[in-house]
Amino acid sequence: MRLRYTAPLSLPQIAPDALDLALEASVLVEPPGEERRFLRHAPEFIDDPAGTGLFAGLAAATYVSPLTSRKSACNPCSRKSTSSRPRC
């Protein structure tokens, strides 16, 4: 068997409702500006035999992709500053 790299965006694009169909290799490209939310569930049990508490604060969380809605994102090019370092 010989494998060859193919750039994903060179594959045919499909719609979300066609994802479960048996098609040839294809790609789903989401529209720009769309936010997706992913829910991370909290673990039901954390095995911590050493008692370090490393994951004690691991709770449920919602992740948003892409992070375009964060108002505190650092963009050094958009700020006027007399110093050479960005103020973030």
PDB file of N, CA and C in Angstrom:
ATOM      1  N   MET A   1       0.848  -1.169   0.000  1.00  0.00           N
ATOM      2  CA  MET A   1       0.000   0.000   0.000  1.00  0.00           C
ATOM      3  C   MET A   1       0.901   1.242   0.000  1.00  0.00           C
ATOM      4  N   ARG A   2       0.547   2.184  -0.829  1.00  0.00           N
ATOM      5  CA  ARG A   2       1.302   3.423  -0.919  1.00  0.00           C
ATOM      6  C   ARG A   2       0.397   4.572  -0.498  1.00  0.00           C
ATOM      7  N   LEU A   3       0.885   5.387   0.439  1.00  0.00           N
ATOM      8  CA  LEU A   3       0.116   6.524   0.930  1.00  0.00           C
ATOM      9  C   LEU A   3       0.669   7.811   0.337  1.00  0.00           C
ATOM     10  N   ARG A   4      -0.227   8.747   0.088  1.00  0.00           N
ATOM     11  CA  ARG A   4       0.161  10.026  -0.502  1.00  0.00           C
ATOM     12  C   ARG A   4      -0.593  11.129   0.227  1.00  0.00           C
ATOM     13  N   TYR A   5       0.114  12.195   0.596  1.00  0.00           N
ATOM     14  CA  TYR A   5      -0.512  13.323   1.275  1.00  0.00           C
ATOM     15  C   TYR A   5      -1.400  14.093   0.308  1.00  0.00           C
ATOM     16  N   THR A   6      -2.574  14.468   0.802  1.00  0.00           N
ATOM     17  CA  THR A   6      -3.482  15.323   0.053  1.00  0.00           C
ATOM     18  C   THR A   6      -3.892  16.468   0.965  1.00  0.00           C
ATOM     19  N   ALA A   7      -3.764  17.676   0.500  1.00  0.00           N
ATOM     20  CA  ALA A   7      -4.181  18.831   1.289  1.00  0.00           C
ATOM     21  C   ALA A   7      -5.686  18.743   1.533  1.00  0.00           C
ATOM     22  N   PRO A   8      -6.138  18.839   2.780  1.00  0.00           N
ATOM     23  CA  PRO A   8      -7.564  18.672   3.081  1.00  0.00           C
ATOM     24  C   PRO A   8      -8.472  19.612   2.306  1.00  0.00           C
ATOM     25  N   LEU A   9      -8.051  20.859   2.102  1.00  0.00           N
ATOM     26  CA  LEU A   9      -8.920  21.809   1.406  1.00  0.00           C
ATOM     27  C   LEU A   9      -8.988  21.571  -0.092  1.00  0.00           C
ATOM     28  N   SER A  10      -8.193  20.629  -0.613  1.00  0.00           N
ATOM     29  CA  SER A  10      -8.297  20.283  -2.027  1.00  0.00           C
ATOM     30  C   SER A  10      -9.350  19.197  -2.261  1.00  0.00           C
ATOM     31  N   LEU A  11      -9.859  18.602  -1.177  1.00  0.00           N
ATOM     32  CA  LEU A  11     -10.901  17.578  -1.296  1.00  0.00           C
ATOM     33  C   LEU A  11     -12.250  18.230  -1.563  1.00  0.00           C
ATOM     34  N   PRO A  12     -13.210  17.482  -2.117  1.00  0.00           N
ATOM     35  CA  PRO A  12     -14.545  18.055  -2.329  1.00  0.00           C
ATOM     36  C   PRO A  12     -15.182  18.446  -0.999  1.00  0.00           C
ATOM     37  N   GLN A  13     -15.860  19.590  -0.972  1.00  0.00           N
ATOM     38  CA  GLN A  13     -16.542  20.036   0.241  1.00  0.00           C
ATOM     39  C   GLN A  13     -17.947  19.461   0.278  1.00  0.00           C
ATOM     40  N   ILE A  14     -18.394  19.107   1.490  1.00  0.00           N
ATOM     41  CA  ILE A  14     -19.739  18.555   1.656  1.00  0.00           C
ATOM     42  C   ILE A  14     -20.493  19.365   2.694  1.00  0.00           C
ATOM     43  N   ALA A  15     -21.799  19.181   2.738  1.00  0.00           N
ATOM     44  CA  ALA A  15     -22.667  19.840   3.711  1.00  0.00           C
ATOM     45  C   ALA A  15     -22.744  18.990   4.977  1.00  0.00           C
ATOM     46  N   PRO A  16     -23.078  19.598   6.124  1.00  0.00           N
ATOM     47  CA  PRO A  16     -23.151  18.840   7.374  1.00  0.00           C
ATOM     48  C   PRO A  16     -24.113  17.655   7.319  1.00  0.00           C
ATOM     49  N   ASP A  17     -25.222  17.772   6.585  1.00  0.00           N
ATOM     50  CA  ASP A  17     -26.178  16.661   6.529  1.00  0.00           C
ATOM     51  C   ASP A  17     -25.689  15.496   5.675  1.00  0.00           C
ATOM     52  N   ALA A  18     -24.577  15.650   4.988  1.00  0.00           N
ATOM     53  CA  ALA A  18     -24.029  14.563   4.169  1.00  0.00           C
ATOM     54  C   ALA A  18     -22.885  13.832   4.870  1.00  0.00           C
ATOM     55  N   LEU A  19     -22.607  14.173   6.125  1.00  0.00           N
ATOM     56  CA  LEU A  19     -21.486  13.561   6.824  1.00  0.00           C
ATOM     57  C   LEU A  19     -21.660  12.063   7.040  1.00  0.00           C
ATOM     58  N   ASP A  20     -22.899  11.604   7.200  1.00  0.00           N
ATOM     59  CA  ASP A  20     -23.108  10.187   7.473  1.00  0.00           C
ATOM     60  C   ASP A  20     -23.292   9.344   6.204  1.00  0.00           C
ATOM     61  N   LEU A  21     -23.151   9.939   5.053  1.00  0.00           N
ATOM     62  CA  LEU A  21     -23.274   9.203   3.805  1.00  0.00           C
ATOM     63  C   LEU A  21     -21.934   8.573   3.433  1.00  0.00           C
ATOM     64  N   ALA A  22     -21.981   7.485   2.718  1.00  0.00           N
ATOM     65  CA  ALA A  22     -20.756   6.812   2.282  1.00  0.00           C
ATOM     66  C   ALA A  22     -20.241   7.486   1.011  1.00  0.00           C
ATOM     67  N   LEU A  23     -19.469   8.521   1.171  1.00  0.00           N
ATOM     68  CA  LEU A  23     -18.913   9.256   0.041  1.00  0.00           C
ATOM     69  C   LEU A  23     -17.415   9.032  -0.035  1.00  0.00           C
ATOM     70  N   GLU A  24     -16.835   9.454  -1.125  1.00  0.00           N
ATOM     71  CA  GLU A  24     -15.384   9.441  -1.216  1.00  0.00           C
ATOM     72  C   GLU A  24     -14.822  10.448  -0.219  1.00  0.00           C
ATOM     73  N   ALA A  25     -13.527  10.492  -0.106  1.00  0.00           N
ATOM     74  CA  ALA A  25     -12.884  11.426   0.821  1.00  0.00           C
ATOM     75  C   ALA A  25     -13.379  12.839   0.528  1.00  0.00           C
ATOM     76  N   SER A  26     -13.821  13.519   1.562  1.00  0.00           N
ATOM     77  CA  SER A  26     -14.331  14.878   1.420  1.00  0.00           C
ATOM     78  C   SER A  26     -14.097  15.608   2.732  1.00  0.00           C
ATOM     79  N   VAL A  27     -14.402  16.898   2.746  1.00  0.00           N
ATOM     80  CA  VAL A  27     -14.136  17.719   3.915  1.00  0.00           C
ATOM     81  C   VAL A  27     -15.324  18.648   4.163  1.00  0.00           C
ATOM     82  N   LEU A  28     -15.605  18.878   5.463  1.00  0.00           N
ATOM     83  CA  LEU A  28     -16.626  19.832   5.858  1.00  0.00           C
ATOM     84  C   LEU A  28     -15.916  21.096   6.299  1.00  0.00           C
ATOM     85  N   VAL A  29     -16.132  22.184   5.607  1.00  0.00           N
ATOM     86  CA  VAL A  29     -15.520  23.462   5.943  1.00  0.00           C
ATOM     87  C   VAL A  29     -16.612  24.349   6.515  1.00  0.00           C
ATOM     88  N   GLU A  30     -16.438  24.722   7.777  1.00  0.00           N
ATOM     89  CA  GLU A  30     -17.446  25.559   8.417  1.00  0.00           C
ATOM     90  C   GLU A  30     -17.276  27.002   7.976  1.00  0.00           C
ATOM     91  N   PRO A  31     -18.379  27.741   7.889  1.00  0.00           N
ATOM     92  CA  PRO A  31     -18.303  29.130   7.455  1.00  0.00           C
ATOM     93  C   PRO A  31     -17.499  29.972   8.443  1.00  0.00           C
ATOM     94  N   PRO A  32     -16.762  30.961   7.963  1.00  0.00           N
ATOM     95  CA  PRO A  32     -16.007  31.821   8.869  1.00  0.00           C
ATOM     96  C   PRO A  32     -16.951  32.616   9.776  1.00  0.00           C
ATOM     97  N   GLY A  33     -16.507  32.858  10.979  1.00  0.00           N
ATOM     98  CA  GLY A  33     -17.298  33.636  11.914  1.00  0.00           C
ATOM     99  C   GLY A  33     -18.285  32.828  12.728  1.00  0.00           C
ATOM    100  N   GLU A  34     -18.476  31.561  12.411  1.00  0.00           N
ATOM    101  CA  GLU A  34     -19.384  30.708  13.165  1.00  0.00           C
ATOM    102  C   GLU A  34     -18.693  30.226  14.433  1.00  0.00           C
ATOM    103  N   GLU A  35     -19.370  30.279  15.559  1.00  0.00           N
ATOM    104  CA  GLU A  35     -18.820  29.771  16.802  1.00  0.00           C
ATOM    105  C   GLU A  35     -19.382  28.387  17.081  1.00  0.00           C
ATOM    106  N   ARG A  36     -18.512  27.483  17.514  1.00  0.00           N
ATOM    107  CA  ARG A  36     -18.943  26.150  17.935  1.00  0.00           C
ATOM    108  C   ARG A  36     -18.666  26.025  19.420  1.00  0.00           C
ATOM    109  N   ARG A  37     -19.559  25.389  20.128  1.00  0.00           N
ATOM    110  CA  ARG A  37     -19.395  25.192  21.568  1.00  0.00           C
ATOM    111  C   ARG A  37     -19.203  23.709  21.850  1.00  0.00           C
ATOM    112  N   PHE A  38     -18.194  23.420  22.661  1.00  0.00           N
ATOM    113  CA  PHE A  38     -17.887  22.056  23.061  1.00  0.00           C
ATOM    114  C   PHE A  38     -18.010  21.974  24.578  1.00  0.00           C
ATOM    115  N   LEU A  39     -18.731  20.992  25.067  1.00  0.00           N
ATOM    116  CA  LEU A  39     -18.903  20.808  26.495  1.00  0.00           C
ATOM    117  C   LEU A  39     -17.953  19.728  26.985  1.00  0.00           C
ATOM    118  N   ARG A  40     -17.127  20.088  27.969  1.00  0.00           N
ATOM    119  CA  ARG A  40     -16.283  19.093  28.627  1.00  0.00           C
ATOM    120  C   ARG A  40     -16.985  18.720  29.919  1.00  0.00           C
ATOM    121  N   HIS A  41     -17.320  17.456  30.062  1.00  0.00           N
ATOM    122  CA  HIS A  41     -17.995  16.978  31.259  1.00  0.00           C
ATOM    123  C   HIS A  41     -16.993  16.807  32.393  1.00  0.00           C
ATOM    124  N   ALA A  42     -17.460  17.007  33.605  1.00  0.00           N
ATOM    125  CA  ALA A  42     -16.611  16.783  34.778  1.00  0.00           C
ATOM    126  C   ALA A  42     -16.428  15.279  34.970  1.00  0.00           C
ATOM    127  N   PRO A  43     -15.268  14.855  35.427  1.00  0.00           N
ATOM    128  CA  PRO A  43     -15.063  13.428  35.661  1.00  0.00           C
ATOM    129  C   PRO A  43     -15.927  12.947  36.829  1.00  0.00           C
ATOM    130  N   GLU A  44     -16.404  11.711  36.735  1.00  0.00           N
ATOM    131  CA  GLU A  44     -17.176  11.139  37.833  1.00  0.00           C
ATOM    132  C   GLU A  44     -16.273  10.673  38.963  1.00  0.00           C
ATOM    133  N   PHE A  45     -15.034  10.351  38.635  1.00  0.00           N
ATOM    134  CA  PHE A  45     -14.106   9.852  39.637  1.00  0.00           C
ATOM    135  C   PHE A  45     -12.693  10.258  39.230  1.00  0.00           C
ATOM    136  N   ILE A  46     -11.912  10.726  40.186  1.00  0.00           N
ATOM    137  CA  ILE A  46     -10.511  11.064  39.927  1.00  0.00           C
ATOM    138  C   ILE A  46      -9.647  10.169  40.807  1.00  0.00           C
ATOM    139  N   ASP A  47      -8.860   9.321  40.198  1.00  0.00           N
ATOM    140  CA  ASP A  47      -7.962   8.434  40.929  1.00  0.00           C
ATOM    141  C   ASP A  47      -6.689   9.205  41.267  1.00  0.00           C
ATOM    142  N   ASP A  48      -6.481   9.460  42.530  1.00  0.00           N
ATOM    143  CA  ASP A  48      -5.340  10.251  42.976  1.00  0.00           C
ATOM    144  C   ASP A  48      -4.673   9.559  44.165  1.00  0.00           C
ATOM    145  N   PRO A  49      -4.027   8.409  43.925  1.00  0.00           N
ATOM    146  CA  PRO A  49      -3.460   7.659  45.049  1.00  0.00           C
ATOM    147  C   PRO A  49      -2.357   8.409  45.788  1.00  0.00           C
ATOM    148  N   ALA A  50      -1.643   9.304  45.130  1.00  0.00           N
ATOM    149  CA  ALA A  50      -0.573  10.046  45.799  1.00  0.00           C
ATOM    150  C   ALA A  50      -1.111  11.252  46.560  1.00  0.00           C
ATOM    151  N   GLY A  51      -2.373  11.597  46.357  1.00  0.00           N
ATOM    152  CA  GLY A  51      -2.974  12.720  47.065  1.00  0.00           C
ATOM    153  C   GLY A  51      -2.441  14.072  46.644  1.00  0.00           C
ATOM    154  N   THR A  52      -2.015  14.202  45.399  1.00  0.00           N
ATOM    155  CA  THR A  52      -1.458  15.470  44.939  1.00  0.00           C
ATOM    156  C   THR A  52      -2.522  16.529  44.668  1.00  0.00           C
ATOM    157  N   GLY A  53      -3.732  16.104  44.359  1.00  0.00           N
ATOM    158  CA  GLY A  53      -4.798  17.057  44.060  1.00  0.00           C
ATOM    159  C   GLY A  53      -4.630  17.753  42.732  1.00  0.00           C
ATOM    160  N   LEU A  54      -3.838  17.176  41.840  1.00  0.00           N
ATOM    161  CA  LEU A  54      -3.540  17.802  40.555  1.00  0.00           C
ATOM    162  C   LEU A  54      -4.800  18.097  39.746  1.00  0.00           C
ATOM    163  N   PHE A  55      -5.766  17.183  39.771  1.00  0.00           N
ATOM    164  CA  PHE A  55      -6.986  17.372  38.983  1.00  0.00           C
ATOM    165  C   PHE A  55      -8.199  17.637  39.864  1.00  0.00           C
ATOM    166  N   ALA A  56      -7.995  18.078  41.096  1.00  0.00           N
ATOM    167  CA  ALA A  56      -9.102  18.291  42.025  1.00  0.00           C
ATOM    168  C   ALA A  56     -10.085  19.345  41.518  1.00  0.00           C
ATOM    169  N   GLY A  57      -9.606  20.357  40.843  1.00  0.00           N
ATOM    170  CA  GLY A  57     -10.481  21.432  40.378  1.00  0.00           C
ATOM    171  C   GLY A  57     -11.037  21.217  38.983  1.00  0.00           C
ATOM    172  N   LEU A  58     -10.908  20.009  38.464  1.00  0.00           N
ATOM    173  CA  LEU A  58     -11.375  19.721  37.109  1.00  0.00           C
ATOM    174  C   LEU A  58     -12.895  19.616  37.111  1.00  0.00           C
ATOM    175  N   ALA A  59     -13.556  20.594  36.538  1.00  0.00           N
ATOM    176  CA  ALA A  59     -15.013  20.633  36.519  1.00  0.00           C
ATOM    177  C   ALA A  59     -15.496  20.717  35.070  1.00  0.00           C
ATOM    178  N   ALA A  60     -16.804  20.721  34.920  1.00  0.00           N
ATOM    179  CA  ALA A  60     -17.383  20.878  33.589  1.00  0.00           C
ATOM    180  C   ALA A  60     -17.022  22.259  33.047  1.00  0.00           C
ATOM    181  N   ALA A  61     -16.839  22.340  31.749  1.00  0.00           N
ATOM    182  CA  ALA A  61     -16.491  23.614  31.123  1.00  0.00           C
ATOM    183  C   ALA A  61     -17.018  23.644  29.701  1.00  0.00           C
ATOM    184  N   THR A  62     -17.237  24.834  29.202  1.00  0.00           N
ATOM    185  CA  THR A  62     -17.652  25.019  27.817  1.00  0.00           C
ATOM    186  C   THR A  62     -16.531  25.735  27.084  1.00  0.00           C
ATOM    187  N   TYR A  63     -16.116  25.152  25.978  1.00  0.00           N
ATOM    188  CA  TYR A  63     -15.080  25.754  25.137  1.00  0.00           C
ATOM    189  C   TYR A  63     -15.734  26.282  23.876  1.00  0.00           C
ATOM    190  N   VAL A  64     -15.304  27.458  23.447  1.00  0.00           N
ATOM    191  CA  VAL A  64     -15.837  28.083  22.237  1.00  0.00           C
ATOM    192  C   VAL A  64     -14.726  28.116  21.200  1.00  0.00           C
ATOM    193  N   SER A  65     -15.053  27.706  19.995  1.00  0.00           N
ATOM    194  CA  SER A  65     -14.083  27.703  18.909  1.00  0.00           C
ATOM    195  C   SER A  65     -14.707  28.381  17.705  1.00  0.00           C
ATOM    196  N   PRO A  66     -14.082  29.302  17.076  1.00  0.00           N
ATOM    197  CA  PRO A  66     -12.810  29.930  17.414  1.00  0.00           C
ATOM    198  C   PRO A  66     -13.001  30.956  18.509  1.00  0.00           C
ATOM    199  N   LEU A  67     -11.892  31.394  19.110  1.00  0.00           N
ATOM    200  CA  LEU A  67     -11.941  32.351  20.213  1.00  0.00           C
ATOM    201  C   LEU A  67     -12.009  33.776  19.682  1.00  0.00           C
ATOM    202  N   THR A  68     -12.991  34.065  18.862  1.00  0.00           N
ATOM    203  CA  THR A  68     -13.109  35.409  18.295  1.00  0.00           C
ATOM    204  C   THR A  68     -13.894  36.334  19.196  1.00  0.00           C
ATOM    205  N   SER A  69     -14.622  35.797  20.160  1.00  0.00           N
ATOM    206  CA  SER A  69     -15.483  36.644  20.974  1.00  0.00           C
ATOM    207  C   SER A  69     -14.804  37.131  22.237  1.00  0.00           C
ATOM    208  N   ARG A  70     -13.565  36.731  22.497  1.00  0.00           N
ATOM    209  CA  ARG A  70     -12.859  37.186  23.695  1.00  0.00           C
ATOM    210  C   ARG A  70     -12.456  38.638  23.525  1.00  0.00           C
ATOM    211  N   LYS A  71     -12.948  39.493  24.388  1.00  0.00           N
ATOM    212  CA  LYS A  71     -12.640  40.916  24.281  1.00  0.00           C
ATOM    213  C   LYS A  71     -11.267  41.245  24.823  1.00  0.00           C
ATOM    214  N   SER A  72     -10.711  40.358  25.660  1.00  0.00           N
ATOM    215  CA  SER A  72      -9.420  40.659  26.265  1.00  0.00           C
ATOM    216  C   SER A  72      -8.250  40.089  25.474  1.00  0.00           C
ATOM    217  N   ALA A  73      -8.509  39.623  24.281  1.00  0.00           N
ATOM    218  CA  ALA A  73      -7.424  39.052  23.471  1.00  0.00           C
ATOM    219  C   ALA A  73      -6.401  40.126  23.146  1.00  0.00           C
ATOM    220  N   CYS A  74      -5.157  39.752  23.201  1.00  0.00           N
ATOM    221  CA  CYS A  74      -4.075  40.706  22.960  1.00  0.00           C
ATOM    222  C   CYS A  74      -3.839  40.853  21.454  1.00  0.00           C
ATOM    223  N   ASN A  75      -3.866  42.067  20.981  1.00  0.00           N
ATOM    224  CA  ASN A  75      -3.536  42.358  19.596  1.00  0.00           C
ATOM    225  C   ASN A  75      -2.597  43.554  19.604  1.00  0.00           C
ATOM    226  N   PRO A  76      -1.276  43.305  19.684  1.00  0.00           N
ATOM    227  CA  PRO A  76      -0.329  44.410  19.811  1.00  0.00           C
ATOM    228  C   PRO A  76      -0.401  45.412  18.674  1.00  0.00           C
ATOM    229  N   CYS A  77      -0.831  44.996  17.515  1.00  0.00           N
ATOM    230  CA  CYS A  77      -0.873  45.910  16.369  1.00  0.00           C
ATOM    231  C   CYS A  77      -1.993  46.939  16.506  1.00  0.00           C
ATOM    232  N   SER A  78      -2.993  46.650  17.335  1.00  0.00           N
ATOM    233  CA  SER A  78      -4.126  47.562  17.445  1.00  0.00           C
ATOM    234  C   SER A  78      -3.949  48.595  18.551  1.00  0.00           C
ATOM    235  N   ARG A  79      -2.837  48.520  19.293  1.00  0.00           N
ATOM    236  CA  ARG A  79      -2.616  49.441  20.401  1.00  0.00           C
ATOM    237  C   ARG A  79      -1.460  50.372  20.086  1.00  0.00           C
ATOM    238  N   LYS A  80      -1.646  51.631  20.427  1.00  0.00           N
ATOM    239  CA  LYS A  80      -0.564  52.590  20.233  1.00  0.00           C
ATOM    240  C   LYS A  80       0.249  52.638  21.509  1.00  0.00           C
ATOM    241  N   SER A  81       1.516  52.393  21.381  1.00  0.00           N
ATOM    242  CA  SER A  81       2.388  52.373  22.539  1.00  0.00           C
ATOM    243  C   SER A  81       3.742  52.925  22.137  1.00  0.00           C
ATOM    244  N   THR A  82       4.382  53.599  23.074  1.00  0.00           N
ATOM    245  CA  THR A  82       5.701  54.129  22.793  1.00  0.00           C
ATOM    246  C   THR A  82       6.780  53.104  23.078  1.00  0.00           C
ATOM    247  N   SER A  83       6.448  52.053  23.839  1.00  0.00           N
ATOM    248  CA  SER A  83       7.442  51.012  24.116  1.00  0.00           C
ATOM    249  C   SER A  83       7.482  50.008  22.977  1.00  0.00           C
ATOM    250  N   SER A  84       8.562  49.232  22.919  1.00  0.00           N
ATOM    251  CA  SER A  84       8.695  48.246  21.853  1.00  0.00           C
ATOM    252  C   SER A  84       7.976  46.946  22.186  1.00  0.00           C
ATOM    253  N   ARG A  85       7.567  46.756  23.461  1.00  0.00           N
ATOM    254  CA  ARG A  85       6.879  45.525  23.849  1.00  0.00           C
ATOM    255  C   ARG A  85       5.380  45.759  23.877  1.00  0.00           C
ATOM    256  N   PRO A  86       4.595  44.769  23.445  1.00  0.00           N
ATOM    257  CA  PRO A  86       3.134  44.900  23.517  1.00  0.00           C
ATOM    258  C   PRO A  86       2.663  44.876  24.966  1.00  0.00           C
ATOM    259  N   ARG A  87       1.605  45.623  25.254  1.00  0.00           N
ATOM    260  CA  ARG A  87       1.022  45.638  26.594  1.00  0.00           C
ATOM    261  C   ARG A  87      -0.159  44.691  26.615  1.00  0.00           C
ATOM    262  N   CYS A  88       0.033  43.517  27.155  1.00  0.00           N
ATOM    263  CA  CYS A  88      -1.030  42.514  27.214  1.00  0.00           C
ATOM    264  C   CYS A  88      -1.350  42.189  28.652  1.00  0.00           C
TER     265      CYS A  88
END
